[in-house]
Amino acid sequence: MNDTKAAPPQFKRGAFALAAALLVAGAAFLYVKAGHGGKKAHSAACDAARITAKLAGDIAKGDIAAFAAARDPEPMTALTFNGPDGKPTTLEAFKGKALLVNIWATWCVPCRAEMPALDRLQKAAGSDNFEVVAINVDTSRLDRPKAFLDEIGVKNLKFYADPKGEAFVALRQNGGLLGLPTSYLVDARGCEIGQLAGPAVWDSADALALVQSVSEAWR
């Protein structure tokens, strides 16, 4: 007897819609490949971030022990998605702030579960030096993400979205994204410090210490 449970219909619809978006956006420019200098030039631009990444890796423990520090930090500044006004923006617009970039979807149960902690992290640590940038990657029924955030009482996170799946494709191709949720810690210069695959208790003392180590670096 096969005891495997069928995926709920809403999960199937979301997964199929996202898969279709990946095919459409397959030609999107990859953020670490952009520019004339190629990957080596980009690595040089983030040389200073190696020290921050090493420190972050040493600090990560407990609730965020799964955080993987970047060995060779790359810029994420060209990552494109929609801002709260619905217009395209990039991580370049956030330079000067350390970021926790969280990739999530409404059909992803662990994503939904960790969202309140992300909202609390933004309340506790959000400033001119740090922001949680939670990017929704739903590609259908686009009214659902905001409705979900309203339903759970999110008050501190701004709404960022990738309705065409372009940022998702770029991260899958060259950003190490294997599943949802995935969170990227980015320094004030726009360089990836590391990432955590899967949900985490982002408002824990361990997470706050990690965020603080990056938001205060090189200031």
N, C-alpha and C. Protein backbone atom coordinates (compact mmCIF):
# COMPACT_ATOMS: atom_id res chain seq x y z
N MET A 1 0.85 -1.20 0.00
CA MET A 1 0.00 0.00 0.00
C MET A 1 0.88 1.24 0.00
N ASN A 2 0.50 2.19 -0.79
CA ASN A 2 1.25 3.44 -0.85
C ASN A 2 0.60 4.45 0.08
N ASP A 3 1.33 4.83 1.16
CA ASP A 3 0.78 5.76 2.16
C ASP A 3 1.07 7.21 1.84
N THR A 4 1.73 7.46 0.70
CA THR A 4 2.09 8.84 0.37
C THR A 4 0.84 9.67 0.15
N LYS A 5 0.76 10.80 0.82
CA LYS A 5 -0.40 11.67 0.69
C LYS A 5 -0.27 12.57 -0.53
N ALA A 6 -1.37 12.76 -1.21
CA ALA A 6 -1.34 13.65 -2.38
C ALA A 6 -1.18 15.08 -1.92
N ALA A 7 -0.45 15.87 -2.71
CA ALA A 7 -0.27 17.28 -2.38
C ALA A 7 -1.60 18.00 -2.48
N PRO A 8 -1.88 18.92 -1.58
CA PRO A 8 -3.14 19.67 -1.65
C PRO A 8 -3.26 20.44 -2.95
N PRO A 9 -4.50 20.60 -3.46
CA PRO A 9 -4.70 21.28 -4.75
C PRO A 9 -4.07 22.65 -4.82
N GLN A 10 -4.14 23.44 -3.72
CA GLN A 10 -3.58 24.78 -3.79
C GLN A 10 -2.08 24.76 -3.93
N PHE A 11 -1.43 23.73 -3.34
CA PHE A 11 0.03 23.61 -3.48
C PHE A 11 0.37 23.27 -4.92
N LYS A 12 -0.38 22.33 -5.52
CA LYS A 12 -0.12 21.95 -6.91
C LYS A 12 -0.26 23.15 -7.84
N ARG A 13 -1.33 23.94 -7.64
CA ARG A 13 -1.54 25.09 -8.52
C ARG A 13 -0.38 26.07 -8.40
N GLY A 14 0.04 26.34 -7.17
CA GLY A 14 1.14 27.28 -6.98
C GLY A 14 2.43 26.77 -7.58
N ALA A 15 2.71 25.48 -7.37
CA ALA A 15 3.95 24.91 -7.89
C ALA A 15 3.96 24.90 -9.41
N PHE A 16 2.82 24.53 -10.02
CA PHE A 16 2.75 24.50 -11.48
C PHE A 16 2.89 25.90 -12.06
N ALA A 17 2.25 26.88 -11.42
CA ALA A 17 2.34 28.26 -11.92
C ALA A 17 3.77 28.76 -11.85
N LEU A 18 4.46 28.42 -10.76
CA LEU A 18 5.84 28.88 -10.62
C LEU A 18 6.73 28.19 -11.65
N ALA A 19 6.47 26.90 -11.90
CA ALA A 19 7.27 26.20 -12.90
C ALA A 19 7.10 26.84 -14.27
N ALA A 20 5.87 27.25 -14.60
CA ALA A 20 5.64 27.91 -15.88
C ALA A 20 6.39 29.23 -15.95
N ALA A 21 6.40 29.95 -14.83
CA ALA A 21 7.11 31.23 -14.81
C ALA A 21 8.60 31.03 -15.01
N LEU A 22 9.13 29.94 -14.51
CA LEU A 22 10.56 29.67 -14.68
C LEU A 22 10.90 29.51 -16.15
N LEU A 23 10.02 28.85 -16.90
CA LEU A 23 10.27 28.66 -18.32
C LEU A 23 10.22 29.99 -19.06
N VAL A 24 9.25 30.83 -18.69
CA VAL A 24 9.11 32.13 -19.35
C VAL A 24 10.31 33.01 -19.06
N ALA A 25 10.78 32.95 -17.82
CA ALA A 25 11.86 33.86 -17.40
C ALA A 25 13.24 33.24 -17.55
N GLY A 26 13.34 32.15 -18.27
CA GLY A 26 14.61 31.45 -18.38
C GLY A 26 15.72 32.27 -18.98
N ALA A 27 15.37 33.30 -19.72
CA ALA A 27 16.41 34.13 -20.35
C ALA A 27 16.81 35.32 -19.49
N ALA A 28 16.31 35.37 -18.25
CA ALA A 28 16.64 36.50 -17.37
C ALA A 28 18.14 36.57 -17.13
N PHE A 29 18.66 37.78 -17.03
CA PHE A 29 20.08 37.94 -16.73
C PHE A 29 20.35 37.47 -15.31
N LEU A 30 21.42 36.75 -15.14
CA LEU A 30 21.79 36.24 -13.83
C LEU A 30 22.63 37.28 -13.11
N TYR A 31 22.31 37.52 -11.84
CA TYR A 31 22.90 38.68 -11.19
C TYR A 31 24.41 38.57 -11.03
N VAL A 32 24.97 37.39 -10.91
CA VAL A 32 26.42 37.32 -10.75
C VAL A 32 27.14 37.27 -12.09
N LYS A 33 26.40 37.20 -13.19
CA LYS A 33 27.01 37.14 -14.51
C LYS A 33 26.97 38.48 -15.23
N ALA A 34 26.25 39.45 -14.68
CA ALA A 34 26.07 40.72 -15.38
C ALA A 34 27.37 41.50 -15.41
N GLY A 35 27.47 42.38 -16.41
CA GLY A 35 28.63 43.28 -16.49
C GLY A 35 29.73 42.71 -17.34
N HIS A 36 30.63 43.57 -17.75
CA HIS A 36 31.70 43.17 -18.65
C HIS A 36 32.79 42.39 -17.95
N GLY A 37 32.93 42.62 -16.63
CA GLY A 37 34.04 41.99 -15.92
C GLY A 37 33.82 40.54 -15.59
N GLY A 38 32.55 40.07 -15.66
CA GLY A 38 32.28 38.68 -15.35
C GLY A 38 32.40 38.40 -13.87
N LYS A 39 32.41 37.11 -13.53
CA LYS A 39 32.38 36.70 -12.14
C LYS A 39 33.62 37.13 -11.37
N LYS A 40 34.81 37.08 -12.00
CA LYS A 40 36.03 37.44 -11.30
C LYS A 40 36.02 38.91 -10.88
N ALA A 41 35.52 39.78 -11.76
CA ALA A 41 35.45 41.19 -11.41
C ALA A 41 34.49 41.42 -10.26
N HIS A 42 33.38 40.68 -10.27
CA HIS A 42 32.42 40.81 -9.20
C HIS A 42 33.00 40.33 -7.88
N SER A 43 33.75 39.25 -7.89
CA SER A 43 34.35 38.75 -6.68
C SER A 43 35.27 39.80 -6.07
N ALA A 44 36.04 40.48 -6.92
CA ALA A 44 36.95 41.52 -6.44
C ALA A 44 36.17 42.64 -5.76
N ALA A 45 35.00 42.96 -6.27
CA ALA A 45 34.18 44.02 -5.70
C ALA A 45 33.72 43.67 -4.29
N CYS A 46 33.69 42.38 -3.98
CA CYS A 46 33.21 41.94 -2.67
C CYS A 46 34.32 41.34 -1.81
N ASP A 47 35.56 41.64 -2.13
CA ASP A 47 36.67 41.08 -1.36
C ASP A 47 36.55 41.39 0.13
N ALA A 48 36.17 42.63 0.44
CA ALA A 48 36.08 43.04 1.84
C ALA A 48 35.01 42.26 2.60
N ALA A 49 34.02 41.75 1.86
CA ALA A 49 32.92 41.01 2.50
C ALA A 49 33.37 39.66 3.02
N ARG A 50 34.52 39.18 2.59
CA ARG A 50 34.99 37.87 3.05
C ARG A 50 35.21 37.87 4.56
N ILE A 51 35.72 38.97 5.08
CA ILE A 51 35.95 39.06 6.53
C ILE A 51 34.62 39.03 7.27
N THR A 52 33.64 39.79 6.75
CA THR A 52 32.31 39.81 7.37
C THR A 52 31.67 38.43 7.32
N ALA A 53 31.80 37.75 6.18
CA ALA A 53 31.22 36.42 6.02
C ALA A 53 31.85 35.42 7.00
N LYS A 54 33.17 35.51 7.15
CA LYS A 54 33.86 34.61 8.10
C LYS A 54 33.35 34.85 9.51
N LEU A 55 33.21 36.11 9.90
CA LEU A 55 32.71 36.44 11.23
C LEU A 55 31.28 35.95 11.40
N ALA A 56 30.45 36.14 10.37
CA ALA A 56 29.05 35.70 10.44
C ALA A 56 28.97 34.19 10.60
N GLY A 57 29.81 33.47 9.87
CA GLY A 57 29.82 32.02 9.98
C GLY A 57 30.21 31.56 11.38
N ASP A 58 31.13 32.27 12.00
CA ASP A 58 31.55 31.93 13.36
C ASP A 58 30.46 32.22 14.39
N ILE A 59 29.67 33.26 14.13
CA ILE A 59 28.62 33.67 15.07
C ILE A 59 27.39 32.77 14.96
N ALA A 60 27.09 32.28 13.76
CA ALA A 60 25.86 31.53 13.53
C ALA A 60 25.81 30.26 14.38
N LYS A 61 24.80 30.15 15.22
CA LYS A 61 24.66 28.98 16.09
C LYS A 61 23.21 28.89 16.55
N GLY A 62 22.90 27.85 17.28
CA GLY A 62 21.58 27.70 17.86
C GLY A 62 20.48 27.72 16.83
N ASP A 63 19.58 28.69 16.94
CA ASP A 63 18.41 28.76 16.05
C ASP A 63 18.77 29.00 14.60
N ILE A 64 19.98 29.48 14.34
CA ILE A 64 20.39 29.74 12.96
C ILE A 64 21.69 29.00 12.62
N ALA A 65 21.88 27.85 13.25
CA ALA A 65 23.10 27.07 13.01
C ALA A 65 23.21 26.62 11.57
N ALA A 66 22.09 26.58 10.85
CA ALA A 66 22.10 26.14 9.45
C ALA A 66 22.60 27.23 8.50
N PHE A 67 22.87 28.43 9.01
CA PHE A 67 23.37 29.51 8.16
C PHE A 67 24.71 29.12 7.56
N ALA A 68 24.83 29.27 6.24
CA ALA A 68 26.07 28.93 5.53
C ALA A 68 26.72 30.20 5.03
N ALA A 69 27.86 30.54 5.58
CA ALA A 69 28.58 31.75 5.16
C ALA A 69 29.15 31.57 3.77
N ALA A 70 29.15 32.64 2.99
CA ALA A 70 29.68 32.60 1.62
C ALA A 70 31.21 32.53 1.67
N ARG A 71 31.78 31.59 0.94
CA ARG A 71 33.24 31.49 0.87
C ARG A 71 33.81 32.56 -0.06
N ASP A 72 33.08 32.86 -1.11
CA ASP A 72 33.53 33.85 -2.09
C ASP A 72 32.37 34.79 -2.36
N PRO A 73 32.15 35.78 -1.51
CA PRO A 73 30.97 36.65 -1.63
C PRO A 73 30.84 37.29 -3.01
N GLU A 74 29.62 37.32 -3.51
CA GLU A 74 29.30 37.92 -4.80
C GLU A 74 28.24 39.01 -4.60
N PRO A 75 28.21 40.01 -5.48
CA PRO A 75 27.17 41.05 -5.37
C PRO A 75 25.80 40.53 -5.77
N MET A 76 24.78 40.99 -5.07
CA MET A 76 23.40 40.65 -5.41
C MET A 76 22.64 41.89 -5.87
N THR A 77 23.34 42.95 -6.15
CA THR A 77 22.70 44.25 -6.41
C THR A 77 21.81 44.27 -7.65
N ALA A 78 22.04 43.38 -8.61
CA ALA A 78 21.24 43.41 -9.84
C ALA A 78 19.96 42.58 -9.74
N LEU A 79 19.73 41.94 -8.59
CA LEU A 79 18.52 41.14 -8.43
C LEU A 79 17.30 42.05 -8.56
N THR A 80 16.38 41.71 -9.48
CA THR A 80 15.25 42.57 -9.83
C THR A 80 13.93 41.98 -9.35
N PHE A 81 13.08 42.84 -8.80
CA PHE A 81 11.76 42.44 -8.30
C PHE A 81 10.93 43.72 -8.18
N ASN A 82 9.70 43.60 -7.74
CA ASN A 82 8.83 44.77 -7.62
C ASN A 82 8.83 45.32 -6.20
N GLY A 83 8.87 46.65 -6.09
CA GLY A 83 8.82 47.30 -4.80
C GLY A 83 7.40 47.44 -4.29
N PRO A 84 7.21 48.06 -3.13
CA PRO A 84 5.87 48.24 -2.56
C PRO A 84 4.93 49.01 -3.48
N ASP A 85 5.48 49.84 -4.37
CA ASP A 85 4.64 50.59 -5.31
C ASP A 85 4.32 49.80 -6.57
N GLY A 86 4.78 48.55 -6.64
CA GLY A 86 4.52 47.71 -7.80
C GLY A 86 5.47 47.92 -8.95
N LYS A 87 6.40 48.86 -8.81
CA LYS A 87 7.36 49.14 -9.89
C LYS A 87 8.65 48.35 -9.68
N PRO A 88 9.34 48.01 -10.78
CA PRO A 88 10.58 47.25 -10.67
C PRO A 88 11.65 48.00 -9.87
N THR A 89 12.37 47.26 -9.08
CA THR A 89 13.50 47.80 -8.34
C THR A 89 14.57 46.72 -8.26
N THR A 90 15.71 47.04 -7.72
CA THR A 90 16.79 46.07 -7.55
C THR A 90 17.39 46.24 -6.16
N LEU A 91 18.23 45.30 -5.77
CA LEU A 91 18.90 45.44 -4.48
C LEU A 91 19.90 46.59 -4.48
N GLU A 92 20.26 47.07 -5.67
CA GLU A 92 21.13 48.25 -5.77
C GLU A 92 20.51 49.43 -5.01
N ALA A 93 19.18 49.51 -5.04
CA ALA A 93 18.48 50.62 -4.39
C ALA A 93 18.61 50.59 -2.87
N PHE A 94 19.06 49.47 -2.33
CA PHE A 94 19.18 49.33 -0.88
C PHE A 94 20.61 49.50 -0.39
N LYS A 95 21.53 49.86 -1.29
CA LYS A 95 22.93 49.99 -0.88
C LYS A 95 23.05 50.97 0.29
N GLY A 96 23.89 50.61 1.23
CA GLY A 96 24.01 51.39 2.45
C GLY A 96 23.31 50.73 3.62
N LYS A 97 22.47 49.72 3.31
CA LYS A 97 21.77 48.94 4.33
C LYS A 97 22.19 47.48 4.23
N ALA A 98 22.39 46.84 5.37
CA ALA A 98 22.48 45.39 5.39
C ALA A 98 21.05 44.85 5.23
N LEU A 99 20.91 43.69 4.60
CA LEU A 99 19.58 43.15 4.31
C LEU A 99 19.49 41.68 4.67
N LEU A 100 18.30 41.26 5.06
CA LEU A 100 17.96 39.85 5.08
C LEU A 100 16.92 39.67 3.99
N VAL A 101 17.33 39.08 2.88
CA VAL A 101 16.44 38.89 1.73
C VAL A 101 15.82 37.50 1.83
N ASN A 102 14.53 37.47 2.08
CA ASN A 102 13.80 36.22 2.28
C ASN A 102 12.94 35.92 1.06
N ILE A 103 13.08 34.73 0.50
CA ILE A 103 12.29 34.31 -0.67
C ILE A 103 11.19 33.38 -0.18
N TRP A 104 9.92 33.75 -0.45
CA TRP A 104 8.81 32.99 0.10
C TRP A 104 7.62 32.95 -0.85
N ALA A 105 6.68 32.06 -0.56
CA ALA A 105 5.45 31.94 -1.35
C ALA A 105 4.31 31.54 -0.42
N THR A 106 3.10 31.87 -0.80
CA THR A 106 1.96 31.54 0.06
C THR A 106 1.68 30.05 0.08
N TRP A 107 2.06 29.32 -1.00
CA TRP A 107 1.82 27.88 -1.03
C TRP A 107 2.90 27.08 -0.30
N CYS A 108 3.88 27.78 0.25
CA CYS A 108 4.98 27.16 1.00
C CYS A 108 4.65 27.23 2.49
N VAL A 109 4.32 26.09 3.08
CA VAL A 109 3.89 26.07 4.48
C VAL A 109 4.98 26.58 5.43
N PRO A 110 6.25 26.16 5.29
CA PRO A 110 7.29 26.70 6.19
C PRO A 110 7.48 28.21 6.03
N CYS A 111 7.27 28.71 4.80
CA CYS A 111 7.37 30.16 4.58
C CYS A 111 6.32 30.89 5.41
N ARG A 112 5.12 30.37 5.38
CA ARG A 112 4.03 31.00 6.12
C ARG A 112 4.31 30.97 7.62
N ALA A 113 4.89 29.85 8.07
CA ALA A 113 5.14 29.69 9.50
C ALA A 113 6.19 30.66 10.03
N GLU A 114 7.21 30.98 9.21
CA GLU A 114 8.29 31.84 9.71
C GLU A 114 8.02 33.34 9.50
N MET A 115 6.96 33.68 8.78
CA MET A 115 6.72 35.09 8.46
C MET A 115 6.53 35.97 9.70
N PRO A 116 5.80 35.51 10.73
CA PRO A 116 5.67 36.37 11.92
C PRO A 116 7.02 36.69 12.56
N ALA A 117 7.95 35.73 12.56
CA ALA A 117 9.27 35.99 13.14
C ALA A 117 10.04 37.02 12.31
N LEU A 118 9.89 36.97 11.00
CA LEU A 118 10.53 37.97 10.14
C LEU A 118 9.96 39.35 10.41
N ASP A 119 8.66 39.41 10.63
CA ASP A 119 8.02 40.69 10.94
C ASP A 119 8.54 41.24 12.27
N ARG A 120 8.71 40.35 13.24
CA ARG A 120 9.24 40.78 14.54
C ARG A 120 10.70 41.20 14.43
N LEU A 121 11.46 40.51 13.58
CA LEU A 121 12.86 40.90 13.37
C LEU A 121 12.94 42.31 12.79
N GLN A 122 12.08 42.61 11.82
CA GLN A 122 12.07 43.95 11.24
C GLN A 122 11.72 45.00 12.29
N LYS A 123 10.78 44.67 13.16
CA LYS A 123 10.41 45.60 14.22
C LYS A 123 11.57 45.83 15.18
N ALA A 124 12.29 44.76 15.51
CA ALA A 124 13.36 44.85 16.50
C ALA A 124 14.64 45.46 15.94
N ALA A 125 14.95 45.14 14.68
CA ALA A 125 16.26 45.53 14.14
C ALA A 125 16.20 46.47 12.96
N GLY A 126 15.00 46.68 12.40
CA GLY A 126 14.89 47.55 11.24
C GLY A 126 15.35 48.97 11.54
N SER A 127 16.16 49.52 10.63
CA SER A 127 16.72 50.86 10.84
C SER A 127 17.29 51.37 9.53
N ASP A 128 17.99 52.48 9.59
CA ASP A 128 18.68 52.98 8.40
C ASP A 128 19.82 52.05 7.99
N ASN A 129 20.19 51.14 8.89
CA ASN A 129 21.31 50.23 8.64
C ASN A 129 20.88 48.81 8.28
N PHE A 130 19.59 48.49 8.45
CA PHE A 130 19.14 47.11 8.22
C PHE A 130 17.67 47.06 7.85
N GLU A 131 17.34 46.12 6.94
CA GLU A 131 15.94 45.88 6.57
C GLU A 131 15.75 44.41 6.18
N VAL A 132 14.60 43.88 6.56
CA VAL A 132 14.16 42.58 6.06
C VAL A 132 13.43 42.82 4.75
N VAL A 133 13.92 42.22 3.67
CA VAL A 133 13.30 42.34 2.35
C VAL A 133 12.73 40.98 2.00
N ALA A 134 11.45 40.78 2.30
CA ALA A 134 10.78 39.51 2.04
C ALA A 134 10.13 39.58 0.66
N ILE A 135 10.64 38.79 -0.29
CA ILE A 135 10.17 38.84 -1.67
C ILE A 135 9.26 37.65 -1.94
N ASN A 136 8.00 37.94 -2.22
CA ASN A 136 7.03 36.90 -2.54
C ASN A 136 7.18 36.47 -3.99
N VAL A 137 7.17 35.14 -4.24
CA VAL A 137 7.37 34.64 -5.60
C VAL A 137 6.13 33.95 -6.15
N ASP A 138 4.95 34.23 -5.60
CA ASP A 138 3.72 33.72 -6.20
C ASP A 138 3.59 34.28 -7.61
N THR A 139 3.17 33.44 -8.55
CA THR A 139 3.01 33.89 -9.94
C THR A 139 1.56 33.80 -10.42
N SER A 140 0.65 33.42 -9.54
CA SER A 140 -0.77 33.40 -9.88
C SER A 140 -1.56 33.78 -8.63
N ARG A 141 -2.83 34.15 -8.83
CA ARG A 141 -3.67 34.59 -7.72
C ARG A 141 -2.91 35.62 -6.88
N LEU A 142 -2.51 36.68 -7.53
CA LEU A 142 -1.60 37.65 -6.93
C LEU A 142 -2.22 38.48 -5.81
N ASP A 143 -3.49 38.28 -5.55
CA ASP A 143 -4.11 38.95 -4.41
C ASP A 143 -3.82 38.20 -3.10
N ARG A 144 -3.39 36.95 -3.22
CA ARG A 144 -3.23 36.12 -2.02
C ARG A 144 -2.10 36.55 -1.10
N PRO A 145 -0.92 36.93 -1.62
CA PRO A 145 0.17 37.28 -0.70
C PRO A 145 -0.17 38.40 0.27
N LYS A 146 -0.72 39.51 -0.24
CA LYS A 146 -1.07 40.61 0.65
C LYS A 146 -2.18 40.21 1.61
N ALA A 147 -3.13 39.42 1.10
CA ALA A 147 -4.23 38.97 1.96
C ALA A 147 -3.69 38.11 3.11
N PHE A 148 -2.72 37.26 2.79
CA PHE A 148 -2.11 36.42 3.83
C PHE A 148 -1.40 37.27 4.88
N LEU A 149 -0.62 38.25 4.42
CA LEU A 149 0.10 39.11 5.36
C LEU A 149 -0.86 39.89 6.26
N ASP A 150 -1.96 40.34 5.67
CA ASP A 150 -2.98 41.04 6.47
C ASP A 150 -3.61 40.08 7.48
N GLU A 151 -3.85 38.85 7.03
CA GLU A 151 -4.50 37.85 7.88
C GLU A 151 -3.68 37.54 9.14
N ILE A 152 -2.36 37.47 9.00
CA ILE A 152 -1.52 37.12 10.16
C ILE A 152 -1.04 38.35 10.92
N GLY A 153 -1.45 39.52 10.47
CA GLY A 153 -1.16 40.74 11.21
C GLY A 153 0.24 41.30 11.03
N VAL A 154 0.83 41.09 9.85
CA VAL A 154 2.15 41.67 9.58
C VAL A 154 2.03 43.19 9.51
N LYS A 155 2.87 43.88 10.26
CA LYS A 155 2.77 45.34 10.33
C LYS A 155 4.08 46.05 9.99
N ASN A 156 5.18 45.32 9.99
CA ASN A 156 6.49 45.98 9.87
C ASN A 156 7.20 45.72 8.55
N LEU A 157 6.82 44.67 7.83
CA LEU A 157 7.46 44.34 6.56
C LEU A 157 6.81 45.09 5.41
N LYS A 158 7.62 45.61 4.51
CA LYS A 158 7.11 46.15 3.26
C LYS A 158 6.87 44.99 2.30
N PHE A 159 5.97 45.21 1.32
CA PHE A 159 5.62 44.13 0.40
C PHE A 159 6.46 44.20 -0.86
N TYR A 160 7.26 43.16 -1.08
CA TYR A 160 8.07 43.03 -2.29
C TYR A 160 7.64 41.75 -3.00
N ALA A 161 7.62 41.79 -4.34
CA ALA A 161 7.09 40.65 -5.08
C ALA A 161 7.86 40.40 -6.37
N ASP A 162 7.80 39.16 -6.80
CA ASP A 162 8.44 38.71 -8.05
C ASP A 162 7.41 37.92 -8.85
N PRO A 163 6.35 38.60 -9.34
CA PRO A 163 5.23 37.90 -9.97
C PRO A 163 5.56 37.21 -11.28
N LYS A 164 6.66 37.60 -11.92
CA LYS A 164 7.06 36.95 -13.17
C LYS A 164 8.10 35.84 -12.96
N GLY A 165 8.54 35.68 -11.74
CA GLY A 165 9.50 34.61 -11.45
C GLY A 165 10.92 34.89 -11.87
N GLU A 166 11.23 36.13 -12.23
CA GLU A 166 12.57 36.43 -12.76
C GLU A 166 13.66 36.37 -11.68
N ALA A 167 13.38 36.93 -10.52
CA ALA A 167 14.35 36.86 -9.43
C ALA A 167 14.53 35.42 -8.98
N PHE A 168 13.44 34.68 -8.95
CA PHE A 168 13.49 33.27 -8.57
C PHE A 168 14.41 32.49 -9.51
N VAL A 169 14.27 32.74 -10.81
CA VAL A 169 15.11 32.07 -11.80
C VAL A 169 16.58 32.41 -11.59
N ALA A 170 16.87 33.69 -11.41
CA ALA A 170 18.25 34.13 -11.22
C ALA A 170 18.88 33.45 -10.01
N LEU A 171 18.12 33.36 -8.93
CA LEU A 171 18.65 32.75 -7.72
C LEU A 171 18.79 31.24 -7.87
N ARG A 172 17.87 30.62 -8.59
CA ARG A 172 17.99 29.18 -8.84
C ARG A 172 19.21 28.88 -9.69
N GLN A 173 19.47 29.71 -10.68
CA GLN A 173 20.56 29.47 -11.62
C GLN A 173 21.92 29.72 -11.00
N ASN A 174 22.04 30.76 -10.19
CA ASN A 174 23.37 31.13 -9.72
C ASN A 174 23.40 31.70 -8.31
N GLY A 175 22.36 31.46 -7.56
CA GLY A 175 22.33 31.97 -6.20
C GLY A 175 22.17 30.90 -5.15
N GLY A 176 22.22 29.63 -5.58
CA GLY A 176 22.15 28.54 -4.63
C GLY A 176 20.77 28.25 -4.09
N LEU A 177 19.72 28.81 -4.71
CA LEU A 177 18.36 28.58 -4.23
C LEU A 177 17.89 27.19 -4.63
N LEU A 178 17.60 26.36 -3.64
CA LEU A 178 17.15 24.99 -3.91
C LEU A 178 15.69 24.78 -3.52
N GLY A 179 15.18 25.59 -2.63
CA GLY A 179 13.81 25.45 -2.18
C GLY A 179 13.38 26.67 -1.39
N LEU A 180 12.16 26.64 -0.91
CA LEU A 180 11.60 27.76 -0.14
C LEU A 180 11.26 27.31 1.27
N PRO A 181 11.42 28.20 2.24
CA PRO A 181 12.03 29.53 2.11
C PRO A 181 13.55 29.45 2.08
N THR A 182 14.16 30.46 1.51
CA THR A 182 15.61 30.65 1.60
C THR A 182 15.86 32.12 1.91
N SER A 183 16.79 32.36 2.81
CA SER A 183 17.11 33.73 3.21
C SER A 183 18.58 34.03 2.95
N TYR A 184 18.83 35.21 2.38
CA TYR A 184 20.19 35.66 2.07
C TYR A 184 20.53 36.85 2.95
N LEU A 185 21.68 36.79 3.60
CA LEU A 185 22.16 37.94 4.37
C LEU A 185 23.11 38.72 3.48
N VAL A 186 22.83 40.00 3.30
CA VAL A 186 23.56 40.85 2.35
C VAL A 186 24.12 42.05 3.10
N ASP A 187 25.38 42.40 2.81
CA ASP A 187 25.97 43.53 3.53
C ASP A 187 25.58 44.86 2.89
N ALA A 188 26.05 45.95 3.48
CA ALA A 188 25.65 47.29 3.03
C ALA A 188 26.18 47.63 1.65
N ARG A 189 27.14 46.86 1.16
CA ARG A 189 27.66 47.08 -0.20
C ARG A 189 26.93 46.22 -1.23
N GLY A 190 25.98 45.41 -0.77
CA GLY A 190 25.21 44.57 -1.68
C GLY A 190 25.83 43.21 -1.93
N CYS A 191 26.79 42.81 -1.11
CA CYS A 191 27.46 41.52 -1.28
C CYS A 191 26.82 40.45 -0.40
N GLU A 192 26.63 39.26 -0.96
CA GLU A 192 26.06 38.16 -0.18
C GLU A 192 27.05 37.71 0.89
N ILE A 193 26.59 37.69 2.13
CA ILE A 193 27.41 37.22 3.25
C ILE A 193 27.17 35.74 3.51
N GLY A 194 25.97 35.29 3.20
CA GLY A 194 25.65 33.88 3.37
C GLY A 194 24.17 33.66 3.21
N GLN A 195 23.75 32.41 3.36
CA GLN A 195 22.34 32.10 3.20
C GLN A 195 21.92 30.98 4.14
N LEU A 196 20.62 30.92 4.38
CA LEU A 196 20.05 29.86 5.20
C LEU A 196 18.89 29.27 4.43
N ALA A 197 18.98 27.98 4.13
CA ALA A 197 17.91 27.28 3.42
C ALA A 197 16.95 26.69 4.44
N GLY A 198 15.67 26.97 4.26
CA GLY A 198 14.67 26.49 5.20
C GLY A 198 14.26 27.56 6.19
N PRO A 199 13.25 27.27 7.00
CA PRO A 199 12.75 28.26 7.95
C PRO A 199 13.70 28.42 9.13
N ALA A 200 13.60 29.55 9.81
CA ALA A 200 14.42 29.81 10.99
C ALA A 200 13.65 30.72 11.94
N VAL A 201 14.09 30.73 13.18
CA VAL A 201 13.49 31.62 14.18
C VAL A 201 14.24 32.95 14.08
N TRP A 202 13.80 33.79 13.17
CA TRP A 202 14.57 34.98 12.82
C TRP A 202 14.50 36.09 13.86
N ASP A 203 13.67 35.97 14.85
CA ASP A 203 13.65 36.99 15.90
C ASP A 203 14.32 36.49 17.17
N SER A 204 15.05 35.38 17.08
CA SER A 204 15.75 34.84 18.24
C SER A 204 16.99 35.66 18.55
N ALA A 205 17.55 35.46 19.74
CA ALA A 205 18.78 36.16 20.12
C ALA A 205 19.93 35.79 19.18
N ASP A 206 19.96 34.52 18.75
CA ASP A 206 21.02 34.08 17.83
C ASP A 206 20.93 34.83 16.50
N ALA A 207 19.70 34.96 15.99
CA ALA A 207 19.51 35.66 14.71
C ALA A 207 19.84 37.14 14.84
N LEU A 208 19.43 37.74 15.93
CA LEU A 208 19.72 39.17 16.13
C LEU A 208 21.22 39.43 16.21
N ALA A 209 21.96 38.51 16.84
CA ALA A 209 23.41 38.67 16.92
C ALA A 209 24.04 38.58 15.54
N LEU A 210 23.53 37.67 14.71
CA LEU A 210 24.04 37.52 13.34
C LEU A 210 23.77 38.78 12.53
N VAL A 211 22.54 39.25 12.58
CA VAL A 211 22.16 40.45 11.83
C VAL A 211 22.99 41.65 12.27
N GLN A 212 23.17 41.78 13.57
CA GLN A 212 23.94 42.91 14.09
C GLN A 212 25.39 42.87 13.63
N SER A 213 25.96 41.66 13.53
CA SER A 213 27.35 41.55 13.10
C SER A 213 27.55 42.05 11.69
N VAL A 214 26.52 41.90 10.86
CA VAL A 214 26.62 42.34 9.46
C VAL A 214 26.20 43.80 9.31
N SER A 215 25.16 44.22 10.01
CA SER A 215 24.68 45.60 9.86
C SER A 215 25.68 46.61 10.42
N GLU A 216 26.51 46.18 11.35
CA GLU A 216 27.49 47.10 11.94
C GLU A 216 28.87 46.98 11.30
N ALA A 217 29.03 46.04 10.38
CA ALA A 217 30.34 45.85 9.76
C ALA A 217 30.69 47.02 8.85
N TRP A 218 31.93 47.46 8.90
CA TRP A 218 32.47 48.47 7.99
C TRP A 218 31.75 49.80 8.09
N ARG A 219 31.27 50.14 9.26
CA ARG A 219 30.62 51.44 9.43
C ARG A 219 31.53 52.37 10.22
